[in-house]
């Protein structure tokens, strides 16, 4: 156990050059499946999220509400099309190479994202992840409610969810000789501050300044 290494990755703007929730909304808007009011609301919440002004629950449930009007089979059909046309073409080769390096070294590799499991699970599989910690959407009678089930996997919630995920495996963060976390966002500072190797990837201005002041490695993936 002491020789084990944990490698954690954020998804949006880290391994993907764009935000998957925003891409998904754009996809649904182009399908004319959502009211255009979602577009204006999305611009507002993204700006406030990136400045750290939006609460975790408000941010995650905004995107979950976009799933509410549709039946599960319809959502899955659209998600398959979304993967082919909106996600696969933009995955950087450098992202695949970085995750493959950790897999090849025998590390425990985990994708941890604020994006819902509905949307992030096929992206995780495409990137080669066997393990995914994501925001869990609440589902009742086979339909999305627009609410989060449990703790949203964002900000301090990422730390809580990681500890819970490891505990369910009979492990803790201290069981790993090294722990890596790759992220772009100030919102991930709570988890970045708890691993032995925090890495800022495509860092936003606040994270870039924080990383620079602490001598954290900084990468660009495009």
C-alpha atoms as a PDB file:
ATOM      1  CA  UNK A   1       0.000   0.000   0.000  1.00  0.00           C
ATOM      2  CA  UNK A   2       2.687   2.643   0.822  1.00  0.00           C
ATOM      3  CA  UNK A   3       4.030   2.437  -2.759  1.00  0.00           C
ATOM      4  CA  UNK A   4       0.668   3.202  -4.342  1.00  0.00           C
ATOM      5  CA  UNK A   5       0.106   6.439  -6.246  1.00  0.00           C
ATOM      6  CA  UNK A   6      -3.220   8.198  -6.801  1.00  0.00           C
ATOM      7  CA  UNK A   7      -3.728  10.376  -9.889  1.00  0.00           C
ATOM      8  CA  UNK A   8      -6.808  12.606  -9.937  1.00  0.00           C
ATOM      9  CA  UNK A   9      -7.975  14.632 -12.923  1.00  0.00           C
ATOM     10  CA  UNK A  10     -10.539  17.373 -13.346  1.00  0.00           C
ATOM     11  CA  UNK A  11     -12.420  17.294 -16.659  1.00  0.00           C
ATOM     12  CA  UNK A  12     -13.655  20.619 -18.009  1.00  0.00           C
ATOM     13  CA  UNK A  13     -10.991  23.073 -19.188  1.00  0.00           C
ATOM     14  CA  UNK A  14      -8.391  20.607 -17.900  1.00  0.00           C
ATOM     15  CA  UNK A  15      -8.603  17.497 -20.077  1.00  0.00           C
ATOM     16  CA  UNK A  16     -11.223  19.083 -22.323  1.00  0.00           C
ATOM     17  CA  UNK A  17     -10.530  22.523 -23.810  1.00  0.00           C
ATOM     18  CA  UNK A  18     -14.163  23.528 -23.263  1.00  0.00           C
ATOM     19  CA  UNK A  19     -16.771  23.022 -20.554  1.00  0.00           C
ATOM     20  CA  UNK A  20     -18.862  19.913 -21.245  1.00  0.00           C
ATOM     21  CA  UNK A  21     -21.970  21.334 -19.526  1.00  0.00           C
ATOM     22  CA  UNK A  22     -21.802  24.442 -21.699  1.00  0.00           C
ATOM     23  CA  UNK A  23     -21.256  22.327 -24.811  1.00  0.00           C
ATOM     24  CA  UNK A  24     -24.257  20.176 -23.892  1.00  0.00           C
ATOM     25  CA  UNK A  25     -26.483  23.235 -23.444  1.00  0.00           C
ATOM     26  CA  UNK A  26     -25.314  24.589 -26.795  1.00  0.00           C
ATOM     27  CA  UNK A  27     -26.086  21.228 -28.376  1.00  0.00           C
ATOM     28  CA  UNK A  28     -29.635  21.207 -26.931  1.00  0.00           C
ATOM     29  CA  UNK A  29     -30.192  24.819 -27.965  1.00  0.00           C
ATOM     30  CA  UNK A  30     -29.130  24.015 -31.510  1.00  0.00           C
ATOM     31  CA  UNK A  31     -31.656  21.171 -31.435  1.00  0.00           C
ATOM     32  CA  UNK A  32     -34.214  23.774 -30.304  1.00  0.00           C
ATOM     33  CA  UNK A  33     -34.934  21.446 -27.393  1.00  0.00           C
ATOM     34  CA  UNK A  34     -34.436  24.200 -24.799  1.00  0.00           C
ATOM     35  CA  UNK A  35     -35.808  27.702 -24.503  1.00  0.00           C
ATOM     36  CA  UNK A  36     -33.314  30.423 -25.504  1.00  0.00           C
ATOM     37  CA  UNK A  37     -33.617  31.859 -22.003  1.00  0.00           C
ATOM     38  CA  UNK A  38     -31.217  29.083 -20.966  1.00  0.00           C
ATOM     39  CA  UNK A  39     -28.534  30.686 -23.134  1.00  0.00           C
ATOM     40  CA  UNK A  40     -28.667  34.023 -21.320  1.00  0.00           C
ATOM     41  CA  UNK A  41     -28.873  32.338 -17.924  1.00  0.00           C
ATOM     42  CA  UNK A  42     -25.881  30.168 -18.817  1.00  0.00           C
ATOM     43  CA  UNK A  43     -23.682  33.155 -19.662  1.00  0.00           C
ATOM     44  CA  UNK A  44     -24.558  34.740 -16.337  1.00  0.00           C
ATOM     45  CA  UNK A  45     -23.938  31.682 -14.187  1.00  0.00           C
ATOM     46  CA  UNK A  46     -20.664  30.823 -15.949  1.00  0.00           C
ATOM     47  CA  UNK A  47     -19.304  34.325 -15.354  1.00  0.00           C
ATOM     48  CA  UNK A  48     -20.286  34.220 -11.693  1.00  0.00           C
ATOM     49  CA  UNK A  49     -18.957  30.669 -11.248  1.00  0.00           C
ATOM     50  CA  UNK A  50     -15.570  31.537 -12.706  1.00  0.00           C
ATOM     51  CA  UNK A  51     -15.333  34.532 -10.379  1.00  0.00           C
ATOM     52  CA  UNK A  52     -16.187  32.317  -7.408  1.00  0.00           C
ATOM     53  CA  UNK A  53     -19.525  34.034  -6.732  1.00  0.00           C
ATOM     54  CA  UNK A  54     -21.887  31.106  -7.358  1.00  0.00           C
ATOM     55  CA  UNK A  55     -22.652  28.480  -4.734  1.00  0.00           C
ATOM     56  CA  UNK A  56     -21.878  24.881  -5.594  1.00  0.00           C
ATOM     57  CA  UNK A  57     -25.478  23.728  -5.437  1.00  0.00           C
ATOM     58  CA  UNK A  58     -26.786  26.594  -7.563  1.00  0.00           C
ATOM     59  CA  UNK A  59     -24.187  25.967 -10.244  1.00  0.00           C
ATOM     60  CA  UNK A  60     -24.641  22.224 -10.536  1.00  0.00           C
ATOM     61  CA  UNK A  61     -28.434  22.278 -10.380  1.00  0.00           C
ATOM     62  CA  UNK A  62     -28.606  24.892 -13.138  1.00  0.00           C
ATOM     63  CA  UNK A  63     -27.227  22.331 -15.581  1.00  0.00           C
ATOM     64  CA  UNK A  64     -29.234  19.466 -14.124  1.00  0.00           C
ATOM     65  CA  UNK A  65     -32.432  21.400 -14.860  1.00  0.00           C
ATOM     66  CA  UNK A  66     -31.669  21.077 -18.567  1.00  0.00           C
ATOM     67  CA  UNK A  67     -32.282  17.313 -18.258  1.00  0.00           C
ATOM     68  CA  UNK A  68     -35.710  17.578 -16.643  1.00  0.00           C
ATOM     69  CA  UNK A  69     -38.011  17.966 -19.685  1.00  0.00           C
ATOM     70  CA  UNK A  70     -36.809  14.837 -21.448  1.00  0.00           C
ATOM     71  CA  UNK A  71     -37.303  11.086 -21.145  1.00  0.00           C
ATOM     72  CA  UNK A  72     -34.241   8.955 -20.387  1.00  0.00           C
ATOM     73  CA  UNK A  73     -34.147   7.240 -23.799  1.00  0.00           C
ATOM     74  CA  UNK A  74     -34.297  10.579 -25.595  1.00  0.00           C
ATOM     75  CA  UNK A  75     -31.474  11.963 -23.463  1.00  0.00           C
ATOM     76  CA  UNK A  76     -29.270   8.927 -24.116  1.00  0.00           C
ATOM     77  CA  UNK A  77     -29.864   9.193 -27.876  1.00  0.00           C
ATOM     78  CA  UNK A  78     -28.910  12.861 -27.857  1.00  0.00           C
ATOM     79  CA  UNK A  79     -25.920  12.195 -25.602  1.00  0.00           C
ATOM     80  CA  UNK A  80     -24.544   9.655 -28.086  1.00  0.00           C
ATOM     81  CA  UNK A  81     -24.850  12.216 -30.862  1.00  0.00           C
ATOM     82  CA  UNK A  82     -23.309  14.871 -28.618  1.00  0.00           C
ATOM     83  CA  UNK A  83     -20.302  12.652 -27.930  1.00  0.00           C
ATOM     84  CA  UNK A  84     -19.698  12.020 -31.640  1.00  0.00           C
ATOM     85  CA  UNK A  85     -20.092  15.580 -32.835  1.00  0.00           C
ATOM     86  CA  UNK A  86     -19.189  17.844 -29.912  1.00  0.00           C
ATOM     87  CA  UNK A  87     -16.783  15.960 -27.629  1.00  0.00           C
ATOM     88  CA  UNK A  88     -14.657  13.458 -29.527  1.00  0.00           C
ATOM     89  CA  UNK A  89     -13.337  16.006 -32.069  1.00  0.00           C
ATOM     90  CA  UNK A  90     -12.017  18.333 -29.364  1.00  0.00           C
ATOM     91  CA  UNK A  91     -10.237  15.904 -27.017  1.00  0.00           C
ATOM     92  CA  UNK A  92      -6.568  16.953 -27.135  1.00  0.00           C
ATOM     93  CA  UNK A  93      -3.976  14.286 -27.854  1.00  0.00           C
ATOM     94  CA  UNK A  94      -1.966  15.694 -24.943  1.00  0.00           C
ATOM     95  CA  UNK A  95      -4.838  14.892 -22.567  1.00  0.00           C
ATOM     96  CA  UNK A  96      -4.910  11.283 -23.718  1.00  0.00           C
ATOM     97  CA  UNK A  97      -1.130  11.042 -23.384  1.00  0.00           C
ATOM     98  CA  UNK A  98      -1.106  12.448 -19.852  1.00  0.00           C
ATOM     99  CA  UNK A  99      -3.771  10.091 -18.535  1.00  0.00           C
ATOM    100  CA  UNK A 100      -2.178   7.152 -20.380  1.00  0.00           C
ATOM    101  CA  UNK A 101       1.152   7.903 -18.684  1.00  0.00           C
ATOM    102  CA  UNK A 102      -0.405   7.478 -15.239  1.00  0.00           C
ATOM    103  CA  UNK A 103      -2.269   4.341 -16.296  1.00  0.00           C
ATOM    104  CA  UNK A 104       0.909   2.822 -17.712  1.00  0.00           C
ATOM    105  CA  UNK A 105       2.706   3.500 -14.430  1.00  0.00           C
ATOM    106  CA  UNK A 106       0.084   1.470 -12.566  1.00  0.00           C
ATOM    107  CA  UNK A 107      -1.401   4.407 -10.653  1.00  0.00           C
ATOM    108  CA  UNK A 108      -4.973   4.532  -9.397  1.00  0.00           C
ATOM    109  CA  UNK A 109      -6.389   7.006 -11.924  1.00  0.00           C
ATOM    110  CA  UNK A 110      -9.656   8.813 -11.161  1.00  0.00           C
ATOM    111  CA  UNK A 111     -11.662  11.454 -13.001  1.00  0.00           C
ATOM    112  CA  UNK A 112     -13.313  13.810 -10.502  1.00  0.00           C
ATOM    113  CA  UNK A 113     -15.688  16.382 -11.963  1.00  0.00           C
ATOM    114  CA  UNK A 114     -18.521  18.701 -11.020  1.00  0.00           C
ATOM    115  CA  UNK A 115     -20.298  17.630 -14.206  1.00  0.00           C
ATOM    116  CA  UNK A 116     -23.136  15.155 -13.737  1.00  0.00           C
ATOM    117  CA  UNK A 117     -22.501  11.451 -14.084  1.00  0.00           C
ATOM    118  CA  UNK A 118     -25.036  11.356 -16.924  1.00  0.00           C
ATOM    119  CA  UNK A 119     -22.845  13.599 -19.050  1.00  0.00           C
ATOM    120  CA  UNK A 120     -19.363  12.754 -17.769  1.00  0.00           C
ATOM    121  CA  UNK A 121     -19.545   8.933 -17.734  1.00  0.00           C
ATOM    122  CA  UNK A 122     -19.147   8.417 -21.519  1.00  0.00           C
ATOM    123  CA  UNK A 123     -16.383  11.042 -21.617  1.00  0.00           C
ATOM    124  CA  UNK A 124     -14.586   9.243 -18.793  1.00  0.00           C
ATOM    125  CA  UNK A 125     -14.801   5.944 -20.707  1.00  0.00           C
ATOM    126  CA  UNK A 126     -13.478   7.592 -23.857  1.00  0.00           C
ATOM    127  CA  UNK A 127     -10.488   8.937 -21.922  1.00  0.00           C
ATOM    128  CA  UNK A 128      -9.765   5.503 -20.459  1.00  0.00           C
ATOM    129  CA  UNK A 129     -10.920   6.095 -16.889  1.00  0.00           C
ATOM    130  CA  UNK A 130     -12.211   3.112 -14.933  1.00  0.00           C
ATOM    131  CA  UNK A 131     -13.041   5.321 -11.950  1.00  0.00           C
ATOM    132  CA  UNK A 132     -15.293   8.378 -11.923  1.00  0.00           C
ATOM    133  CA  UNK A 133     -16.412  10.640  -9.103  1.00  0.00           C
ATOM    134  CA  UNK A 134     -19.087  12.985 -10.442  1.00  0.00           C
ATOM    135  CA  UNK A 135     -22.071  14.975  -9.306  1.00  0.00           C
ATOM    136  CA  UNK A 136     -24.944  12.519  -8.996  1.00  0.00           C
ATOM    137  CA  UNK A 137     -28.268  13.680 -10.468  1.00  0.00           C
ATOM    138  CA  UNK A 138     -31.396  12.858  -8.529  1.00  0.00           C
ATOM    139  CA  UNK A 139     -33.725  10.566 -10.462  1.00  0.00           C
ATOM    140  CA  UNK A 140     -37.308   9.745  -9.506  1.00  0.00           C
ATOM    141  CA  UNK A 141     -39.544   7.372 -11.435  1.00  0.00           C
ATOM    142  CA  UNK A 142     -36.944   7.147 -14.174  1.00  0.00           C
ATOM    143  CA  UNK A 143     -36.712  10.910 -14.788  1.00  0.00           C
ATOM    144  CA  UNK A 144     -34.287  13.626 -13.745  1.00  0.00           C
ATOM    145  CA  UNK A 145     -35.607  16.013 -11.103  1.00  0.00           C
ATOM    146  CA  UNK A 146     -33.034  18.752 -11.681  1.00  0.00           C
ATOM    147  CA  UNK A 147     -31.662  18.304  -8.169  1.00  0.00           C
ATOM    148  CA  UNK A 148     -28.385  16.884  -6.884  1.00  0.00           C
ATOM    149  CA  UNK A 149     -28.404  13.559  -5.100  1.00  0.00           C
ATOM    150  CA  UNK A 150     -26.070  13.783  -2.111  1.00  0.00           C
ATOM    151  CA  UNK A 151     -23.101  16.154  -2.142  1.00  0.00           C
ATOM    152  CA  UNK A 152     -22.263  17.996  -5.351  1.00  0.00           C
ATOM    153  CA  UNK A 153     -18.737  17.127  -6.478  1.00  0.00           C
ATOM    154  CA  UNK A 154     -17.488  20.693  -6.514  1.00  0.00           C
ATOM    155  CA  UNK A 155     -15.165  22.835  -4.368  1.00  0.00           C
ATOM    156  CA  UNK A 156     -15.000  21.389  -0.826  1.00  0.00           C
ATOM    157  CA  UNK A 157     -17.447  18.742  -2.011  1.00  0.00           C
ATOM    158  CA  UNK A 158     -14.677  17.216  -4.134  1.00  0.00           C
ATOM    159  CA  UNK A 159     -12.655  16.588  -0.979  1.00  0.00           C
ATOM    160  CA  UNK A 160     -15.653  15.107   0.830  1.00  0.00           C
ATOM    161  CA  UNK A 161     -16.604  12.899  -2.101  1.00  0.00           C
ATOM    162  CA  UNK A 162     -13.017  11.681  -2.584  1.00  0.00           C
ATOM    163  CA  UNK A 163     -12.707  10.722   1.072  1.00  0.00           C
ATOM    164  CA  UNK A 164     -16.037   8.894   0.858  1.00  0.00           C
ATOM    165  CA  UNK A 165     -15.055   7.107  -2.343  1.00  0.00           C
ATOM    166  CA  UNK A 166     -11.732   5.981  -0.877  1.00  0.00           C
ATOM    167  CA  UNK A 167     -13.372   4.919   2.398  1.00  0.00           C
ATOM    168  CA  UNK A 168     -15.783   2.696   0.460  1.00  0.00           C
ATOM    169  CA  UNK A 169     -12.682   0.954  -0.942  1.00  0.00           C
ATOM    170  CA  UNK A 170     -11.182   0.593   2.543  1.00  0.00           C
ATOM    171  CA  UNK A 171      -8.584   3.271   1.782  1.00  0.00           C
ATOM    172  CA  UNK A 172      -7.669   6.829   2.704  1.00  0.00           C
ATOM    173  CA  UNK A 173      -5.591   9.543   1.073  1.00  0.00           C
ATOM    174  CA  UNK A 174      -2.749   8.872   3.500  1.00  0.00           C
ATOM    175  CA  UNK A 175      -2.474   5.303   2.177  1.00  0.00           C
ATOM    176  CA  UNK A 176      -0.879   6.643  -1.013  1.00  0.00           C
ATOM    177  CA  UNK A 177       2.809   7.485  -1.196  1.00  0.00           C
ATOM    178  CA  UNK A 178       1.983  10.190  -3.749  1.00  0.00           C
ATOM    179  CA  UNK A 179      -1.238  11.842  -4.818  1.00  0.00           C
ATOM    180  CA  UNK A 180      -1.577  14.003  -7.933  1.00  0.00           C
ATOM    181  CA  UNK A 181      -4.395  16.312  -8.939  1.00  0.00           C
ATOM    182  CA  UNK A 182      -4.597  18.130 -12.267  1.00  0.00           C
ATOM    183  CA  UNK A 183      -7.047  21.048 -12.469  1.00  0.00           C
ATOM    184  CA  UNK A 184      -7.630  24.394 -14.157  1.00  0.00           C
ATOM    185  CA  UNK A 185      -9.790  26.112 -11.573  1.00  0.00           C
ATOM    186  CA  UNK A 186      -9.658  28.145  -8.379  1.00  0.00           C
ATOM    187  CA  UNK A 187     -12.735  26.142  -7.401  1.00  0.00           C
ATOM    188  CA  UNK A 188     -10.499  23.085  -6.998  1.00  0.00           C
ATOM    189  CA  UNK A 189      -8.080  24.707  -4.553  1.00  0.00           C
ATOM    190  CA  UNK A 190      -9.543  22.726  -1.608  1.00  0.00           C
ATOM    191  CA  UNK A 191      -8.499  19.421  -3.210  1.00  0.00           C
ATOM    192  CA  UNK A 192      -5.342  20.750  -4.852  1.00  0.00           C
ATOM    193  CA  UNK A 193      -4.177  21.803  -1.387  1.00  0.00           C
ATOM    194  CA  UNK A 194      -4.583  18.281   0.008  1.00  0.00           C
ATOM    195  CA  UNK A 195      -2.575  16.240  -2.514  1.00  0.00           C
ATOM    196  CA  UNK A 196       1.186  15.847  -2.532  1.00  0.00           C
ATOM    197  CA  UNK A 197       1.498  16.919  -6.192  1.00  0.00           C
ATOM    198  CA  UNK A 198      -0.954  19.657  -7.238  1.00  0.00           C
ATOM    199  CA  UNK A 199      -0.666  20.588 -10.922  1.00  0.00           C
ATOM    200  CA  UNK A 200      -2.323  23.646 -12.469  1.00  0.00           C
ATOM    201  CA  UNK A 201      -3.495  22.917 -16.022  1.00  0.00           C
ATOM    202  CA  UNK A 202      -4.739  25.734 -18.270  1.00  0.00           C
ATOM    203  CA  UNK A 203      -5.070  27.639 -15.006  1.00  0.00           C
ATOM    204  CA  UNK A 204      -7.530  30.473 -14.470  1.00  0.00           C
ATOM    205  CA  UNK A 205      -5.920  33.717 -13.218  1.00  0.00           C
ATOM    206  CA  UNK A 206      -6.518  33.047  -9.512  1.00  0.00           C
ATOM    207  CA  UNK A 207      -5.190  29.497  -9.670  1.00  0.00           C
ATOM    208  CA  UNK A 208      -2.238  30.605 -11.800  1.00  0.00           C
ATOM    209  CA  UNK A 209      -1.217  33.182  -9.203  1.00  0.00           C
ATOM    210  CA  UNK A 210      -1.715  30.683  -6.375  1.00  0.00           C
ATOM    211  CA  UNK A 211       0.327  28.029  -8.180  1.00  0.00           C
ATOM    212  CA  UNK A 212       3.103  30.485  -8.991  1.00  0.00           C
ATOM    213  CA  UNK A 213       3.390  31.653  -5.393  1.00  0.00           C
ATOM    214  CA  UNK A 214       3.686  28.061  -4.155  1.00  0.00           C
ATOM    215  CA  UNK A 215       5.893  26.702  -6.908  1.00  0.00           C
ATOM    216  CA  UNK A 216       3.293  24.280  -8.229  1.00  0.00           C
ATOM    217  CA  UNK A 217       3.894  22.907 -11.734  1.00  0.00           C
ATOM    218  CA  UNK A 218       1.843  24.510 -14.488  1.00  0.00           C
ATOM    219  CA  UNK A 219       0.855  22.822 -17.758  1.00  0.00           C
ATOM    220  CA  UNK A 220      -0.939  23.823 -20.928  1.00  0.00           C
ATOM    221  CA  UNK A 221      -3.099  21.241 -22.655  1.00  0.00           C
ATOM    222  CA  UNK A 222      -4.710  22.291 -25.914  1.00  0.00           C
END
